[in-house]
Amino acid sequence: MSDYSSANGIVGALLGSFLIVLIISLVVTIFFAIVYWKIFAKAGYSGAMGLLMFIPIANLIVLCVLAFGEWPIYKELNALRAQPPRSPQYIPTPQYPSSPQYPQYGQQPPRYP
């Protein structure tokens, strides 16, 4: 009888340990998926391309493309820089008096009815 209960305890401990490791690995995998998604999105690629980092040989190829290729965001930036400059839009600034109109020393302030 005691062998049966100790075996249940061992199986329960192993199952609990397995579930804890499974949950931690799932959290870490989701974290890295979000990080890779953000990196590829900021580089101008589709964020889904970051999911290729979880495929064994494809991750090396994608990493080389990311490291040595020209990023789409830089292609767009260079195209915008190559355009002729546009004339700045005229935005009128409000005209304020050059100095406040305070009464001079010794003068009476104006009286309003």
PDB file of N, CA and C in Angstrom:
ATOM      1  N   MET A   1       0.813  -1.179   0.000  1.00  0.00           N
ATOM      2  CA  MET A   1       0.000   0.000   0.000  1.00  0.00           C
ATOM      3  C   MET A   1       0.871   1.263   0.000  1.00  0.00           C
ATOM      4  N   SER A   2       1.945   1.248   0.780  1.00  0.00           N
ATOM      5  CA  SER A   2       2.794   2.439   0.856  1.00  0.00           C
ATOM      6  C   SER A   2       3.572   2.634  -0.442  1.00  0.00           C
ATOM      7  N   ASP A   3       3.881   1.519  -1.145  1.00  0.00           N
ATOM      8  CA  ASP A   3       4.553   1.650  -2.437  1.00  0.00           C
ATOM      9  C   ASP A   3       3.654   2.357  -3.450  1.00  0.00           C
ATOM     10  N   TYR A   4       2.350   2.088  -3.383  1.00  0.00           N
ATOM     11  CA  TYR A   4       1.392   2.698  -4.296  1.00  0.00           C
ATOM     12  C   TYR A   4       1.266   4.197  -4.031  1.00  0.00           C
ATOM     13  N   SER A   5       1.214   4.600  -2.784  1.00  0.00           N
ATOM     14  CA  SER A   5       1.062   6.027  -2.464  1.00  0.00           C
ATOM     15  C   SER A   5       2.358   6.793  -2.749  1.00  0.00           C
ATOM     16  N   SER A   6       3.515   6.165  -2.525  1.00  0.00           N
ATOM     17  CA  SER A   6       4.765   6.857  -2.846  1.00  0.00           C
ATOM     18  C   SER A   6       4.941   6.982  -4.355  1.00  0.00           C
ATOM     19  N   ALA A   7       4.454   6.004  -5.100  1.00  0.00           N
ATOM     20  CA  ALA A   7       4.525   6.081  -6.565  1.00  0.00           C
ATOM     21  C   ALA A   7       3.613   7.199  -7.075  1.00  0.00           C
ATOM     22  N   ASN A   8       2.441   7.337  -6.455  1.00  0.00           N
ATOM     23  CA  ASN A   8       1.541   8.426  -6.835  1.00  0.00           C
ATOM     24  C   ASN A   8       2.173   9.781  -6.527  1.00  0.00           C
ATOM     25  N   GLY A   9       2.871   9.862  -5.411  1.00  0.00           N
ATOM     26  CA  GLY A   9       3.530  11.122  -5.050  1.00  0.00           C
ATOM     27  C   GLY A   9       4.629  11.480  -6.037  1.00  0.00           C
ATOM     28  N   ILE A  10       5.384  10.473  -6.464  1.00  0.00           N
ATOM     29  CA  ILE A  10       6.461  10.714  -7.436  1.00  0.00           C
ATOM     30  C   ILE A  10       5.874  11.124  -8.782  1.00  0.00           C
ATOM     31  N   VAL A  11       4.828  10.440  -9.217  1.00  0.00           N
ATOM     32  CA  VAL A  11       4.189  10.776 -10.488  1.00  0.00           C
ATOM     33  C   VAL A  11       3.592  12.177 -10.423  1.00  0.00           C
ATOM     34  N   GLY A  12       2.980  12.504  -9.301  1.00  0.00           N
ATOM     35  CA  GLY A  12       2.406  13.840  -9.132  1.00  0.00           C
ATOM     36  C   GLY A  12       3.481  14.918  -9.156  1.00  0.00           C
ATOM     37  N   ALA A  13       4.613  14.669  -8.503  1.00  0.00           N
ATOM     38  CA  ALA A  13       5.714  15.631  -8.501  1.00  0.00           C
ATOM     39  C   ALA A  13       6.293  15.799  -9.904  1.00  0.00           C
ATOM     40  N   LEU A  14       6.459  14.688 -10.624  1.00  0.00           N
ATOM     41  CA  LEU A  14       6.973  14.768 -11.993  1.00  0.00           C
ATOM     42  C   LEU A  14       6.002  15.511 -12.914  1.00  0.00           C
ATOM     43  N   LEU A  15       4.707  15.225 -12.748  1.00  0.00           N
ATOM     44  CA  LEU A  15       3.713  15.895 -13.564  1.00  0.00           C
ATOM     45  C   LEU A  15       3.670  17.391 -13.252  1.00  0.00           C
ATOM     46  N   GLY A  16       3.753  17.752 -11.979  1.00  0.00           N
ATOM     47  CA  GLY A  16       3.776  19.167 -11.596  1.00  0.00           C
ATOM     48  C   GLY A  16       5.005  19.872 -12.129  1.00  0.00           C
ATOM     49  N   SER A  17       6.161  19.208 -12.036  1.00  0.00           N
ATOM     50  CA  SER A  17       7.395  19.795 -12.567  1.00  0.00           C
ATOM     51  C   SER A  17       7.304  19.970 -14.079  1.00  0.00           C
ATOM     52  N   PHE A  18       6.742  18.969 -14.749  1.00  0.00           N
ATOM     53  CA  PHE A  18       6.588  19.052 -16.197  1.00  0.00           C
ATOM     54  C   PHE A  18       5.679  20.218 -16.587  1.00  0.00           C
ATOM     55  N   LEU A  19       4.580  20.413 -15.862  1.00  0.00           N
ATOM     56  CA  LEU A  19       3.669  21.508 -16.167  1.00  0.00           C
ATOM     57  C   LEU A  19       4.329  22.870 -15.933  1.00  0.00           C
ATOM     58  N   ILE A  20       5.106  22.982 -14.877  1.00  0.00           N
ATOM     59  CA  ILE A  20       5.801  24.241 -14.593  1.00  0.00           C
ATOM     60  C   ILE A  20       6.809  24.547 -15.707  1.00  0.00           C
ATOM     61  N   VAL A  21       7.586  23.548 -16.115  1.00  0.00           N
ATOM     62  CA  VAL A  21       8.560  23.740 -17.195  1.00  0.00           C
ATOM     63  C   VAL A  21       7.840  24.068 -18.500  1.00  0.00           C
ATOM     64  N   LEU A  22       6.717  23.430 -18.760  1.00  0.00           N
ATOM     65  CA  LEU A  22       5.943  23.687 -19.971  1.00  0.00           C
ATOM     66  C   LEU A  22       5.419  25.124 -19.995  1.00  0.00           C
ATOM     67  N   ILE A  23       4.903  25.599 -18.875  1.00  0.00           N
ATOM     68  CA  ILE A  23       4.380  26.968 -18.806  1.00  0.00           C
ATOM     69  C   ILE A  23       5.508  27.984 -18.969  1.00  0.00           C
ATOM     70  N   ILE A  24       6.634  27.753 -18.323  1.00  0.00           N
ATOM     71  CA  ILE A  24       7.768  28.681 -18.444  1.00  0.00           C
ATOM     72  C   ILE A  24       8.283  28.700 -19.881  1.00  0.00           C
ATOM     73  N   SER A  25       8.390  27.527 -20.535  1.00  0.00           N
ATOM     74  CA  SER A  25       8.855  27.511 -21.926  1.00  0.00           C
ATOM     75  C   SER A  25       7.864  28.203 -22.847  1.00  0.00           C
ATOM     76  N   LEU A  26       6.578  28.063 -22.589  1.00  0.00           N
ATOM     77  CA  LEU A  26       5.578  28.736 -23.401  1.00  0.00           C
ATOM     78  C   LEU A  26       5.681  30.255 -23.253  1.00  0.00           C
ATOM     79  N   VAL A  27       5.882  30.725 -22.033  1.00  0.00           N
ATOM     80  CA  VAL A  27       6.024  32.163 -21.792  1.00  0.00           C
ATOM     81  C   VAL A  27       7.279  32.703 -22.481  1.00  0.00           C
ATOM     82  N   VAL A  28       8.387  31.983 -22.378  1.00  0.00           N
ATOM     83  CA  VAL A  28       9.631  32.420 -23.018  1.00  0.00           C
ATOM     84  C   VAL A  28       9.477  32.429 -24.539  1.00  0.00           C
ATOM     85  N   THR A  29       8.831  31.422 -25.102  1.00  0.00           N
ATOM     86  CA  THR A  29       8.616  31.356 -26.550  1.00  0.00           C
ATOM     87  C   THR A  29       7.751  32.514 -27.026  1.00  0.00           C
ATOM     88  N   ILE A  30       6.688  32.821 -26.300  1.00  0.00           N
ATOM     89  CA  ILE A  30       5.827  33.950 -26.665  1.00  0.00           C
ATOM     90  C   ILE A  30       6.604  35.258 -26.564  1.00  0.00           C
ATOM     91  N   PHE A  31       7.428  35.395 -25.525  1.00  0.00           N
ATOM     92  CA  PHE A  31       8.237  36.606 -25.371  1.00  0.00           C
ATOM     93  C   PHE A  31       9.170  36.799 -26.566  1.00  0.00           C
ATOM     94  N   PHE A  32       9.868  35.745 -26.960  1.00  0.00           N
ATOM     95  CA  PHE A  32      10.788  35.856 -28.099  1.00  0.00           C
ATOM     96  C   PHE A  32      10.041  36.072 -29.412  1.00  0.00           C
ATOM     97  N   ALA A  33       8.847  35.505 -29.551  1.00  0.00           N
ATOM     98  CA  ALA A  33       8.056  35.748 -30.760  1.00  0.00           C
ATOM     99  C   ALA A  33       7.691  37.228 -30.869  1.00  0.00           C
ATOM    100  N   ILE A  34       7.329  37.842 -29.751  1.00  0.00           N
ATOM    101  CA  ILE A  34       6.997  39.272 -29.751  1.00  0.00           C
ATOM    102  C   ILE A  34       8.235  40.105 -30.054  1.00  0.00           C
ATOM    103  N   VAL A  35       9.366  39.739 -29.455  1.00  0.00           N
ATOM    104  CA  VAL A  35      10.604  40.490 -29.689  1.00  0.00           C
ATOM    105  C   VAL A  35      11.020  40.412 -31.153  1.00  0.00           C
ATOM    106  N   TYR A  36      11.006  39.212 -31.745  1.00  0.00           N
ATOM    107  CA  TYR A  36      11.384  39.062 -33.146  1.00  0.00           C
ATOM    108  C   TYR A  36      10.396  39.796 -34.055  1.00  0.00           C
ATOM    109  N   TRP A  37       9.117  39.741 -33.717  1.00  0.00           N
ATOM    110  CA  TRP A  37       8.097  40.436 -34.503  1.00  0.00           C
ATOM    111  C   TRP A  37       8.399  41.938 -34.525  1.00  0.00           C
ATOM    112  N   LYS A  38       8.705  42.507 -33.362  1.00  0.00           N
ATOM    113  CA  LYS A  38       8.996  43.949 -33.274  1.00  0.00           C
ATOM    114  C   LYS A  38      10.267  44.308 -34.050  1.00  0.00           C
ATOM    115  N   ILE A  39      11.294  43.490 -33.948  1.00  0.00           N
ATOM    116  CA  ILE A  39      12.551  43.765 -34.653  1.00  0.00           C
ATOM    117  C   ILE A  39      12.325  43.803 -36.157  1.00  0.00           C
ATOM    118  N   PHE A  40      11.628  42.798 -36.690  1.00  0.00           N
ATOM    119  CA  PHE A  40      11.397  42.754 -38.129  1.00  0.00           C
ATOM    120  C   PHE A  40      10.454  43.866 -38.573  1.00  0.00           C
ATOM    121  N   ALA A  41       9.481  44.212 -37.752  1.00  0.00           N
ATOM    122  CA  ALA A  41       8.563  45.291 -38.111  1.00  0.00           C
ATOM    123  C   ALA A  41       9.293  46.635 -38.129  1.00  0.00           C
ATOM    124  N   LYS A  42      10.205  46.869 -37.186  1.00  0.00           N
ATOM    125  CA  LYS A  42      10.951  48.127 -37.170  1.00  0.00           C
ATOM    126  C   LYS A  42      11.950  48.208 -38.316  1.00  0.00           C
ATOM    127  N   ALA A  43      12.395  47.078 -38.808  1.00  0.00           N
ATOM    128  CA  ALA A  43      13.317  47.070 -39.951  1.00  0.00           C
ATOM    129  C   ALA A  43      12.579  47.277 -41.262  1.00  0.00           C
ATOM    130  N   GLY A  44      11.250  47.208 -41.233  1.00  0.00           N
ATOM    131  CA  GLY A  44      10.469  47.418 -42.440  1.00  0.00           C
ATOM    132  C   GLY A  44       9.961  46.140 -43.073  1.00  0.00           C
ATOM    133  N   TYR A  45      10.329  45.015 -42.517  1.00  0.00           N
ATOM    134  CA  TYR A  45       9.824  43.737 -43.017  1.00  0.00           C
ATOM    135  C   TYR A  45       8.491  43.431 -42.344  1.00  0.00           C
ATOM    136  N   SER A  46       7.830  42.401 -42.832  1.00  0.00           N
ATOM    137  CA  SER A  46       6.616  41.948 -42.173  1.00  0.00           C
ATOM    138  C   SER A  46       6.993  41.363 -40.814  1.00  0.00           C
ATOM    139  N   GLY A  47       6.212  41.681 -39.813  1.00  0.00           N
ATOM    140  CA  GLY A  47       6.499  41.162 -38.480  1.00  0.00           C
ATOM    141  C   GLY A  47       6.424  39.650 -38.412  1.00  0.00           C
ATOM    142  N   ALA A  48       5.591  39.066 -39.275  1.00  0.00           N
ATOM    143  CA  ALA A  48       5.452  37.610 -39.293  1.00  0.00           C
ATOM    144  C   ALA A  48       6.740  36.923 -39.718  1.00  0.00           C
ATOM    145  N   MET A  49       7.629  37.673 -40.356  1.00  0.00           N
ATOM    146  CA  MET A  49       8.909  37.091 -40.754  1.00  0.00           C
ATOM    147  C   MET A  49       9.734  36.707 -39.526  1.00  0.00           C
ATOM    148  N   GLY A  50       9.457  37.323 -38.398  1.00  0.00           N
ATOM    149  CA  GLY A  50      10.148  36.981 -37.167  1.00  0.00           C
ATOM    150  C   GLY A  50       9.837  35.575 -36.688  1.00  0.00           C
ATOM    151  N   LEU A  51       8.705  35.040 -37.123  1.00  0.00           N
ATOM    152  CA  LEU A  51       8.361  33.670 -36.725  1.00  0.00           C
ATOM    153  C   LEU A  51       9.279  32.647 -37.383  1.00  0.00           C
ATOM    154  N   LEU A  52       9.958  33.044 -38.453  1.00  0.00           N
ATOM    155  CA  LEU A  52      10.911  32.133 -39.093  1.00  0.00           C
ATOM    156  C   LEU A  52      12.127  31.883 -38.201  1.00  0.00           C
ATOM    157  N   MET A  53      12.304  32.703 -37.180  1.00  0.00           N
ATOM    158  CA  MET A  53      13.438  32.513 -36.275  1.00  0.00           C
ATOM    159  C   MET A  53      13.292  31.234 -35.444  1.00  0.00           C
ATOM    160  N   PHE A  54      12.116  30.633 -35.438  1.00  0.00           N
ATOM    161  CA  PHE A  54      11.907  29.401 -34.680  1.00  0.00           C
ATOM    162  C   PHE A  54      12.133  28.147 -35.523  1.00  0.00           C
ATOM    163  N   ILE A  55      12.381  28.315 -36.814  1.00  0.00           N
ATOM    164  CA  ILE A  55      12.641  27.176 -37.694  1.00  0.00           C
ATOM    165  C   ILE A  55      14.155  27.031 -37.832  1.00  0.00           C
ATOM    166  N   PRO A  56      14.720  25.851 -37.543  1.00  0.00           N
ATOM    167  CA  PRO A  56      16.162  25.701 -37.379  1.00  0.00           C
ATOM    168  C   PRO A  56      17.059  26.239 -38.484  1.00  0.00           C
ATOM    169  N   ILE A  57      16.902  25.902 -39.731  1.00  0.00           N
ATOM    170  CA  ILE A  57      17.815  26.392 -40.767  1.00  0.00           C
ATOM    171  C   ILE A  57      17.367  27.757 -41.275  1.00  0.00           C
ATOM    172  N   ALA A  58      16.073  27.969 -41.304  1.00  0.00           N
ATOM    173  CA  ALA A  58      15.538  29.237 -41.797  1.00  0.00           C
ATOM    174  C   ALA A  58      15.972  30.404 -40.903  1.00  0.00           C
ATOM    175  N   ASN A  59      16.180  30.143 -39.608  1.00  0.00           N
ATOM    176  CA  ASN A  59      16.575  31.247 -38.727  1.00  0.00           C
ATOM    177  C   ASN A  59      17.949  31.793 -39.097  1.00  0.00           C
ATOM    178  N   LEU A  60      18.854  30.950 -39.565  1.00  0.00           N
ATOM    179  CA  LEU A  60      20.168  31.430 -39.978  1.00  0.00           C
ATOM    180  C   LEU A  60      20.068  32.266 -41.250  1.00  0.00           C
ATOM    181  N   ILE A  61      19.240  31.822 -42.180  1.00  0.00           N
ATOM    182  CA  ILE A  61      19.070  32.567 -43.427  1.00  0.00           C
ATOM    183  C   ILE A  61      18.413  33.917 -43.156  1.00  0.00           C
ATOM    184  N   VAL A  62      17.358  33.914 -42.346  1.00  0.00           N
ATOM    185  CA  VAL A  62      16.650  35.158 -42.039  1.00  0.00           C
ATOM    186  C   VAL A  62      17.551  36.108 -41.262  1.00  0.00           C
ATOM    187  N   LEU A  63      18.346  35.582 -40.368  1.00  0.00           N
ATOM    188  CA  LEU A  63      19.268  36.415 -39.604  1.00  0.00           C
ATOM    189  C   LEU A  63      20.313  37.052 -40.515  1.00  0.00           C
ATOM    190  N   CYS A  64      20.802  36.298 -41.515  1.00  0.00           N
ATOM    191  CA  CYS A  64      21.755  36.869 -42.481  1.00  0.00           C
ATOM    192  C   CYS A  64      21.096  37.934 -43.346  1.00  0.00           C
ATOM    193  N   VAL A  65      19.855  37.716 -43.748  1.00  0.00           N
ATOM    194  CA  VAL A  65      19.126  38.729 -44.521  1.00  0.00           C
ATOM    195  C   VAL A  65      18.953  39.985 -43.676  1.00  0.00           C
ATOM    196  N   LEU A  66      18.637  39.817 -42.420  1.00  0.00           N
ATOM    197  CA  LEU A  66      18.449  40.957 -41.527  1.00  0.00           C
ATOM    198  C   LEU A  66      19.764  41.690 -41.283  1.00  0.00           C
ATOM    199  N   ALA A  67      20.845  40.951 -41.179  1.00  0.00           N
ATOM    200  CA  ALA A  67      22.130  41.568 -40.855  1.00  0.00           C
ATOM    201  C   ALA A  67      22.788  42.214 -42.074  1.00  0.00           C
ATOM    202  N   PHE A  68      22.725  41.570 -43.236  1.00  0.00           N
ATOM    203  CA  PHE A  68      23.500  42.029 -44.385  1.00  0.00           C
ATOM    204  C   PHE A  68      22.662  42.634 -45.503  1.00  0.00           C
ATOM    205  N   GLY A  69      21.363  42.464 -45.468  1.00  0.00           N
ATOM    206  CA  GLY A  69      20.509  43.019 -46.520  1.00  0.00           C
ATOM    207  C   GLY A  69      20.148  44.468 -46.253  1.00  0.00           C
ATOM    208  N   GLU A  70      19.680  45.152 -47.304  1.00  0.00           N
ATOM    209  CA  GLU A  70      19.221  46.526 -47.125  1.00  0.00           C
ATOM    210  C   GLU A  70      17.775  46.472 -46.643  1.00  0.00           C
ATOM    211  N   TRP A  71      17.511  47.113 -45.544  1.00  0.00           N
ATOM    212  CA  TRP A  71      16.191  47.075 -44.942  1.00  0.00           C
ATOM    213  C   TRP A  71      15.217  47.917 -45.751  1.00  0.00           C
ATOM    214  N   PRO A  72      13.977  47.484 -45.855  1.00  0.00           N
ATOM    215  CA  PRO A  72      12.981  48.268 -46.592  1.00  0.00           C
ATOM    216  C   PRO A  72      12.785  49.674 -46.016  1.00  0.00           C
ATOM    217  N   ILE A  73      12.955  49.830 -44.740  1.00  0.00           N
ATOM    218  CA  ILE A  73      12.785  51.149 -44.134  1.00  0.00           C
ATOM    219  C   ILE A  73      13.863  52.107 -44.642  1.00  0.00           C
ATOM    220  N   TYR A  74      15.074  51.590 -44.876  1.00  0.00           N
ATOM    221  CA  TYR A  74      16.145  52.430 -45.418  1.00  0.00           C
ATOM    222  C   TYR A  74      15.936  52.714 -46.901  1.00  0.00           C
ATOM    223  N   LYS A  75      15.363  51.759 -47.637  1.00  0.00           N
ATOM    224  CA  LYS A  75      15.040  52.007 -49.045  1.00  0.00           C
ATOM    225  C   LYS A  75      14.059  53.167 -49.150  1.00  0.00           C
ATOM    226  N   GLU A  76      13.040  53.148 -48.303  1.00  0.00           N
ATOM    227  CA  GLU A  76      12.039  54.220 -48.322  1.00  0.00           C
ATOM    228  C   GLU A  76      12.657  55.549 -47.891  1.00  0.00           C
ATOM    229  N   LEU A  77      13.516  55.514 -46.887  1.00  0.00           N
ATOM    230  CA  LEU A  77      14.169  56.734 -46.417  1.00  0.00           C
ATOM    231  C   LEU A  77      15.070  57.327 -47.501  1.00  0.00           C
ATOM    232  N   ASN A  78      15.843  56.492 -48.183  1.00  0.00           N
ATOM    233  CA  ASN A  78      16.714  56.979 -49.258  1.00  0.00           C
ATOM    234  C   ASN A  78      15.898  57.531 -50.426  1.00  0.00           C
ATOM    235  N   ALA A  79      14.750  56.911 -50.719  1.00  0.00           N
ATOM    236  CA  ALA A  79      13.900  57.418 -51.794  1.00  0.00           C
ATOM    237  C   ALA A  79      13.331  58.785 -51.419  1.00  0.00           C
ATOM    238  N   LEU A  80      12.958  58.964 -50.175  1.00  0.00           N
ATOM    239  CA  LEU A  80      12.440  60.259 -49.738  1.00  0.00           C
ATOM    240  C   LEU A  80      13.531  61.325 -49.735  1.00  0.00           C
ATOM    241  N   ARG A  81      14.731  60.949 -49.386  1.00  0.00           N
ATOM    242  CA  ARG A  81      15.837  61.911 -49.384  1.00  0.00           C
ATOM    243  C   ARG A  81      16.249  62.294 -50.799  1.00  0.00           C
ATOM    244  N   ALA A  82      16.023  61.417 -51.772  1.00  0.00           N
ATOM    245  CA  ALA A  82      16.409  61.693 -53.152  1.00  0.00           C
ATOM    246  C   ALA A  82      15.423  62.633 -53.845  1.00  0.00           C
ATOM    247  N   GLN A  83      14.227  62.790 -53.292  1.00  0.00           N
ATOM    248  CA  GLN A  83      13.251  63.686 -53.899  1.00  0.00           C
ATOM    249  C   GLN A  83      13.712  65.128 -53.765  1.00  0.00           C
ATOM    250  N   PRO A  84      13.344  65.967 -54.742  1.00  0.00           N
ATOM    251  CA  PRO A  84      13.711  67.385 -54.619  1.00  0.00           C
ATOM    252  C   PRO A  84      12.967  68.003 -53.436  1.00  0.00           C
ATOM    253  N   PRO A  85      13.610  68.948 -52.782  1.00  0.00           N
ATOM    254  CA  PRO A  85      12.954  69.538 -51.622  1.00  0.00           C
ATOM    255  C   PRO A  85      11.718  70.324 -52.033  1.00  0.00           C
ATOM    256  N   ARG A  86      10.702  70.202 -51.243  1.00  0.00           N
ATOM    257  CA  ARG A  86       9.472  70.937 -51.499  1.00  0.00           C
ATOM    258  C   ARG A  86       9.560  72.293 -50.823  1.00  0.00           C
ATOM    259  N   SER A  87       8.838  73.247 -51.377  1.00  0.00           N
ATOM    260  CA  SER A  87       8.843  74.573 -50.763  1.00  0.00           C
ATOM    261  C   SER A  87       8.102  74.492 -49.434  1.00  0.00           C
ATOM    262  N   PRO A  88       8.633  75.162 -48.437  1.00  0.00           N
ATOM    263  CA  PRO A  88       7.960  75.090 -47.143  1.00  0.00           C
ATOM    264  C   PRO A  88       6.611  75.791 -47.208  1.00  0.00           C
ATOM    265  N   GLN A  89       5.670  75.247 -46.545  1.00  0.00           N
ATOM    266  CA  GLN A  89       4.352  75.846 -46.510  1.00  0.00           C
ATOM    267  C   GLN A  89       4.392  77.083 -45.622  1.00  0.00           C
ATOM    268  N   TYR A  90       3.751  78.147 -46.095  1.00  0.00           N
ATOM    269  CA  TYR A  90       3.735  79.389 -45.320  1.00  0.00           C
ATOM    270  C   TYR A  90       2.649  79.293 -44.270  1.00  0.00           C
ATOM    271  N   ILE A  91       3.057  79.397 -43.048  1.00  0.00           N
ATOM    272  CA  ILE A  91       2.112  79.404 -41.937  1.00  0.00           C
ATOM    273  C   ILE A  91       2.217  80.780 -41.293  1.00  0.00           C
ATOM    274  N   PRO A  92       1.180  81.596 -41.445  1.00  0.00           N
ATOM    275  CA  PRO A  92       1.281  82.943 -40.872  1.00  0.00           C
ATOM    276  C   PRO A  92       1.327  82.880 -39.357  1.00  0.00           C
ATOM    277  N   THR A  93       2.197  83.684 -38.811  1.00  0.00           N
ATOM    278  CA  THR A  93       2.289  83.760 -37.354  1.00  0.00           C
ATOM    279  C   THR A  93       1.456  84.939 -36.891  1.00  0.00           C
ATOM    280  N   PRO A  94       0.818  84.815 -35.769  1.00  0.00           N
ATOM    281  CA  PRO A  94       0.003  85.927 -35.283  1.00  0.00           C
ATOM    282  C   PRO A  94       0.898  87.111 -34.923  1.00  0.00           C
ATOM    283  N   GLN A  95       0.395  88.298 -35.254  1.00  0.00           N
ATOM    284  CA  GLN A  95       1.144  89.513 -34.971  1.00  0.00           C
ATOM    285  C   GLN A  95       0.736  90.048 -33.599  1.00  0.00           C
ATOM    286  N   TYR A  96       1.729  90.183 -32.758  1.00  0.00           N
ATOM    287  CA  TYR A  96       1.502  90.726 -31.428  1.00  0.00           C
ATOM    288  C   TYR A  96       2.101  92.128 -31.384  1.00  0.00           C
ATOM    289  N   PRO A  97       1.574  92.979 -30.509  1.00  0.00           N
ATOM    290  CA  PRO A  97       2.199  94.296 -30.368  1.00  0.00           C
ATOM    291  C   PRO A  97       3.636  94.142 -29.898  1.00  0.00           C
ATOM    292  N   SER A  98       4.469  95.090 -30.332  1.00  0.00           N
ATOM    293  CA  SER A  98       5.886  94.976 -30.010  1.00  0.00           C
ATOM    294  C   SER A  98       6.150  95.117 -28.516  1.00  0.00           C
ATOM    295  N   SER A  99       5.393  95.955 -27.849  1.00  0.00           N
ATOM    296  CA  SER A  99       5.551  96.083 -26.396  1.00  0.00           C
ATOM    297  C   SER A  99       4.173  96.288 -25.795  1.00  0.00           C
ATOM    298  N   PRO A 100       4.002  95.888 -24.577  1.00  0.00           N
ATOM    299  CA  PRO A 100       2.684  96.074 -23.966  1.00  0.00           C
ATOM    300  C   PRO A 100       2.379  97.560 -23.784  1.00  0.00           C
ATOM    301  N   GLN A 101       1.137  97.911 -23.906  1.00  0.00           N
ATOM    302  CA  GLN A 101       0.713  99.301 -23.814  1.00  0.00           C
ATOM    303  C   GLN A 101       0.288  99.623 -22.381  1.00  0.00           C
ATOM    304  N   TYR A 102       1.255  99.782 -21.520  1.00  0.00           N
ATOM    305  CA  TYR A 102       0.983 100.156 -20.139  1.00  0.00           C
ATOM    306  C   TYR A 102       1.070 101.679 -20.018  1.00  0.00           C
ATOM    307  N   PRO A 103       0.352 102.246 -19.084  1.00  0.00           N
ATOM    308  CA  PRO A 103       0.496 103.699 -18.890  1.00  0.00           C
ATOM    309  C   PRO A 103       1.885 104.025 -18.373  1.00  0.00           C
ATOM    310  N   GLN A 104       2.388 105.140 -18.838  1.00  0.00           N
ATOM    311  CA  GLN A 104       3.709 105.580 -18.403  1.00  0.00           C
ATOM    312  C   GLN A 104       3.637 106.065 -16.957  1.00  0.00           C
ATOM    313  N   TYR A 105       4.784 106.136 -16.348  1.00  0.00           N
ATOM    314  CA  TYR A 105       4.848 106.563 -14.949  1.00  0.00           C
ATOM    315  C   TYR A 105       4.369 108.007 -14.842  1.00  0.00           C
ATOM    316  N   GLY A 106       3.473 108.234 -13.922  1.00  0.00           N
ATOM    317  CA  GLY A 106       2.942 109.566 -13.685  1.00  0.00           C
ATOM    318  C   GLY A 106       1.669 109.837 -14.446  1.00  0.00           C
ATOM    319  N   GLN A 107       1.265 109.022 -15.370  1.00  0.00           N
ATOM    320  CA  GLN A 107       0.026 109.238 -16.109  1.00  0.00           C
ATOM    321  C   GLN A 107      -1.110 108.505 -15.413  1.00  0.00           C
ATOM    322  N   GLN A 108      -2.284 109.031 -15.614  1.00  0.00           N
ATOM    323  CA  GLN A 108      -3.469 108.389 -15.042  1.00  0.00           C
ATOM    324  C   GLN A 108      -3.916 107.248 -15.962  1.00  0.00           C
ATOM    325  N   PRO A 109      -4.284 106.133 -15.398  1.00  0.00           N
ATOM    326  CA  PRO A 109      -4.801 105.057 -16.251  1.00  0.00           C
ATOM    327  C   PRO A 109      -6.134 105.478 -16.852  1.00  0.00           C
ATOM    328  N   PRO A 110      -6.474 104.980 -18.005  1.00  0.00           N
ATOM    329  CA  PRO A 110      -7.745 105.368 -18.633  1.00  0.00           C
ATOM    330  C   PRO A 110      -8.921 104.870 -17.790  1.00  0.00           C
ATOM    331  N   ARG A 111      -9.963 105.695 -17.761  1.00  0.00           N
ATOM    332  CA  ARG A 111     -11.186 105.326 -17.007  1.00  0.00           C
ATOM    333  C   ARG A 111     -12.226 104.848 -17.998  1.00  0.00           C
ATOM    334  N   TYR A 112     -12.813 103.770 -17.656  1.00  0.00           N
ATOM    335  CA  TYR A 112     -13.850 103.191 -18.508  1.00  0.00           C
ATOM    336  C   TYR A 112     -15.202 103.438 -17.863  1.00  0.00           C
ATOM    337  N   PRO A 113     -16.210 103.759 -18.663  1.00  0.00           N
ATOM    338  CA  PRO A 113     -17.530 104.025 -18.085  1.00  0.00           C
ATOM    339  C   PRO A 113     -18.189 102.808 -17.500  1.00  0.00           C
TER     340      PRO A 113
END
